[in-house]
Amino acid sequence: MIFRAVEDTDLIRKARQGDVEAYNLLISRWEKRVYNYLLRIVRDREAALDLSQDVFLKAYQNLRKLDDPARFAPWLFRIAHNEAFSAFRKRRADREAPETPEFAGDTIAAPPFPIELSIAVTTALHKLPEEQREAVILKIYQGFKFEEMAEILSCPVSTVKSRLYAALDVLKEQLAPLKSRGVR
């Protein structure tokens, strides 16, 4: 991980100097994670793809504003967060979010769980309030540290932890009936 961080930092330096290939390599490293994050947030493949493109365009346009290249991941996910919630505000007036979650097919790695459990987890996740759902996605699916999550969400670490633990309690309660039926 340390070696990769140095590589990202070097690519950022080169991209800041106008090296488009360096930025393209940076995109190739992060595009799947950003897309999967956005897909879990917006629950629409086309919207997630469009937003991913917007995120990387904005990141490129603002790369010089990144104070610490070692903080690229939280900075990039903050842009993704802003784009997703900006899209929510625009769409909220037009239509409601879908009641049933959309599945991404081959774009997300096949879960190592029985399909019934995967569907139940996805459904339970989408029943959470947006702030709690995003905390779970950033921590569990994206693997961010609490400090990075606080940076992405622009809130204190204590708020991030509160959202995450409240969400995990709700998920545990909602998924408990599956355990009693023998699904693991």
Protein backbone atom coordinates (compact mmCIF):
# COMPACT_ATOMS: atom_id res chain seq x y z
CA MET A 1 0.00 0.00 0.00
CA ILE A 2 2.86 2.40 0.78
CA PHE A 3 4.43 1.70 -2.61
CA ARG A 4 1.12 2.36 -4.35
CA ALA A 5 0.63 5.64 -2.47
CA VAL A 6 4.05 6.79 -3.66
CA GLU A 7 3.07 5.81 -7.19
CA ASP A 8 -0.20 7.76 -7.00
CA THR A 9 1.68 10.76 -5.64
CA ASP A 10 4.12 10.57 -8.53
CA LEU A 11 1.28 10.28 -11.05
CA ILE A 12 -0.41 13.31 -9.51
CA ARG A 13 2.80 15.30 -9.79
CA LYS A 14 3.15 14.34 -13.46
CA ALA A 15 -0.54 15.05 -14.18
CA ARG A 16 -0.17 18.50 -12.61
CA GLN A 17 2.63 19.13 -15.10
CA GLY A 18 0.28 18.28 -17.98
CA ASP A 19 1.03 14.58 -18.46
CA VAL A 20 -2.35 13.24 -19.59
CA GLU A 21 -1.12 9.62 -19.63
CA ALA A 22 -0.25 9.89 -15.95
CA TYR A 23 -3.78 11.07 -15.19
CA ASN A 24 -5.27 8.30 -17.34
CA LEU A 25 -3.30 5.75 -15.29
CA LEU A 26 -4.58 7.35 -12.11
CA ILE A 27 -8.14 7.05 -13.44
CA SER A 28 -7.64 3.40 -14.33
CA ARG A 29 -6.56 2.71 -10.75
CA TRP A 30 -9.52 4.43 -9.13
CA GLU A 31 -12.40 4.27 -11.62
CA LYS A 32 -13.85 0.94 -10.49
CA ARG A 33 -13.85 1.92 -6.80
CA VAL A 34 -15.42 5.31 -7.54
CA TYR A 35 -18.01 3.73 -9.84
CA ASN A 36 -18.94 1.05 -7.28
CA TYR A 37 -19.21 3.68 -4.55
CA LEU A 38 -21.48 5.83 -6.72
CA LEU A 39 -23.51 2.82 -7.82
CA ARG A 40 -24.24 1.91 -4.21
CA ILE A 41 -25.22 5.51 -3.48
CA VAL A 42 -27.38 6.34 -6.53
CA ARG A 43 -28.52 2.78 -7.32
CA ASP A 44 -28.54 3.36 -11.06
CA ARG A 45 -25.84 2.07 -13.43
CA GLU A 46 -26.18 4.82 -16.03
CA ALA A 47 -26.21 7.58 -13.41
CA ALA A 48 -23.20 6.07 -11.64
CA LEU A 49 -21.28 5.90 -14.93
CA ASP A 50 -22.16 9.50 -15.80
CA LEU A 51 -21.27 10.69 -12.32
CA SER A 52 -17.95 8.79 -12.44
CA GLN A 53 -17.01 10.66 -15.58
CA ASP A 54 -17.99 13.96 -13.96
CA VAL A 55 -15.93 13.10 -10.86
CA PHE A 56 -12.77 12.42 -12.84
CA LEU A 57 -13.25 15.51 -14.99
CA LYS A 58 -13.66 17.70 -11.89
CA ALA A 59 -10.71 16.00 -10.23
CA TYR A 60 -8.54 16.74 -13.26
CA GLN A 61 -9.71 20.35 -13.40
CA ASN A 62 -8.97 20.84 -9.70
CA LEU A 63 -5.88 18.67 -9.30
CA ARG A 64 -3.73 21.73 -8.57
CA LYS A 65 -6.01 22.54 -5.61
CA LEU A 66 -5.19 19.22 -3.91
CA ASP A 67 -2.97 20.32 -1.04
CA ASP A 68 -1.58 16.90 -0.11
CA PRO A 69 -1.28 14.36 -2.94
CA ALA A 70 -1.06 11.59 -0.31
CA ARG A 71 -4.71 12.45 0.54
CA PHE A 72 -5.87 11.82 -3.04
CA ALA A 73 -8.34 9.03 -2.18
CA PRO A 74 -10.40 10.97 0.40
CA TRP A 75 -10.26 14.06 -1.84
CA LEU A 76 -11.49 12.06 -4.85
CA PHE A 77 -14.28 10.41 -2.85
CA ARG A 78 -15.31 13.82 -1.48
CA ILE A 79 -15.80 14.95 -5.09
CA ALA A 80 -17.80 11.77 -5.77
CA HIS A 81 -19.90 12.38 -2.65
CA ASN A 82 -20.61 15.96 -3.74
CA GLU A 83 -21.53 14.88 -7.27
CA ALA A 84 -23.86 12.14 -6.04
CA PHE A 85 -25.71 14.38 -3.63
CA SER A 86 -25.89 17.19 -6.15
CA ALA A 87 -27.54 14.71 -8.53
CA PHE A 88 -29.93 13.65 -5.74
CA ARG A 89 -31.02 17.24 -5.22
CA LYS A 90 -31.63 17.67 -8.94
CA ARG A 91 -33.54 14.38 -9.27
CA ARG A 92 -35.53 14.71 -6.06
CA ALA A 93 -37.82 17.24 -7.68
CA ASP A 94 -38.29 15.05 -10.76
CA ARG A 95 -38.81 11.62 -9.29
CA GLU A 96 -38.49 9.43 -6.21
CA ALA A 97 -35.62 6.98 -5.74
CA PRO A 98 -36.52 3.41 -6.77
CA GLU A 99 -38.00 1.28 -4.02
CA THR A 100 -36.14 -1.87 -5.01
CA PRO A 101 -32.38 -1.84 -5.39
CA GLU A 102 -30.81 -2.31 -8.81
CA PHE A 103 -28.06 -4.85 -9.07
CA ALA A 104 -24.94 -4.07 -11.04
CA GLY A 105 -24.48 -7.46 -12.62
CA ASP A 106 -20.83 -8.06 -13.50
CA THR A 107 -19.61 -4.60 -12.49
CA ILE A 108 -19.32 -5.53 -8.81
CA ALA A 109 -17.35 -8.59 -7.84
CA ALA A 110 -19.57 -11.58 -7.14
CA PRO A 111 -20.28 -11.72 -3.42
CA PRO A 112 -18.98 -14.71 -1.49
CA PHE A 113 -22.44 -15.15 0.09
CA PRO A 114 -25.57 -17.01 -0.90
CA ILE A 115 -27.71 -14.89 -3.22
CA GLU A 116 -30.51 -14.67 -0.66
CA LEU A 117 -28.15 -13.05 1.84
CA SER A 118 -26.72 -10.68 -0.76
CA ILE A 119 -30.20 -9.52 -1.72
CA ALA A 120 -31.19 -9.13 1.92
CA VAL A 121 -28.08 -7.08 2.74
CA THR A 122 -28.54 -4.84 -0.31
CA THR A 123 -32.22 -4.33 0.50
CA ALA A 124 -31.48 -3.58 4.16
CA LEU A 125 -28.69 -1.21 3.17
CA HIS A 126 -31.03 0.77 0.93
CA LYS A 127 -33.56 1.13 3.74
CA LEU A 128 -31.02 3.05 5.82
CA PRO A 129 -31.03 6.85 5.83
CA GLU A 130 -28.60 8.21 3.21
CA GLU A 131 -26.03 9.36 5.78
CA GLN A 132 -25.89 5.98 7.51
CA ARG A 133 -25.82 4.06 4.22
CA GLU A 134 -22.92 6.14 2.98
CA ALA A 135 -20.98 5.54 6.21
CA VAL A 136 -21.41 1.77 5.77
CA ILE A 137 -20.38 1.94 2.11
CA LEU A 138 -17.26 3.99 2.84
CA LYS A 139 -16.15 1.80 5.76
CA ILE A 140 -17.23 -1.72 4.79
CA TYR A 141 -17.15 -1.65 0.98
CA GLN A 142 -14.42 0.95 0.38
CA GLY A 143 -12.26 0.34 3.46
CA PHE A 144 -11.67 3.94 4.47
CA LYS A 145 -10.41 4.88 7.94
CA PHE A 146 -12.65 6.98 10.17
CA GLU A 147 -10.48 10.07 9.67
CA GLU A 148 -10.71 9.71 5.89
CA MET A 149 -14.47 9.18 6.10
CA ALA A 150 -14.77 12.37 8.16
CA GLU A 151 -12.84 14.22 5.47
CA ILE A 152 -15.04 12.82 2.69
CA LEU A 153 -18.28 13.56 4.54
CA SER A 154 -17.13 16.91 5.99
CA CYS A 155 -18.11 16.05 9.53
CA PRO A 156 -16.37 15.09 12.79
CA VAL A 157 -15.02 11.57 13.31
CA SER A 158 -17.47 11.14 16.19
CA THR A 159 -20.38 11.79 13.81
CA VAL A 160 -19.01 9.26 11.32
CA LYS A 161 -18.69 6.63 14.05
CA SER A 162 -22.17 7.39 15.34
CA ARG A 163 -23.69 7.01 11.86
CA LEU A 164 -21.79 3.80 11.18
CA TYR A 165 -22.57 2.10 14.48
CA ALA A 166 -26.23 3.10 14.33
CA ALA A 167 -26.43 1.71 10.80
CA LEU A 168 -24.71 -1.54 11.80
CA ASP A 169 -27.16 -1.97 14.69
CA VAL A 170 -30.10 -1.53 12.30
CA LEU A 171 -28.58 -3.92 9.76
CA LYS A 172 -27.89 -6.51 12.45
CA GLU A 173 -31.51 -6.30 13.59
CA GLN A 174 -32.92 -6.47 10.06
CA LEU A 175 -30.71 -9.38 9.04
CA ALA A 176 -31.10 -11.41 12.25
CA PRO A 177 -34.10 -13.38 10.90
CA LEU A 178 -31.86 -14.78 8.15
CA LYS A 179 -29.53 -16.33 10.71
CA SER A 180 -32.45 -18.05 12.44
CA ARG A 181 -33.41 -19.62 9.07
CA GLY A 182 -29.92 -21.04 8.67
CA VAL A 183 -28.63 -18.63 6.00
CA ARG A 184 -25.04 -17.65 6.73
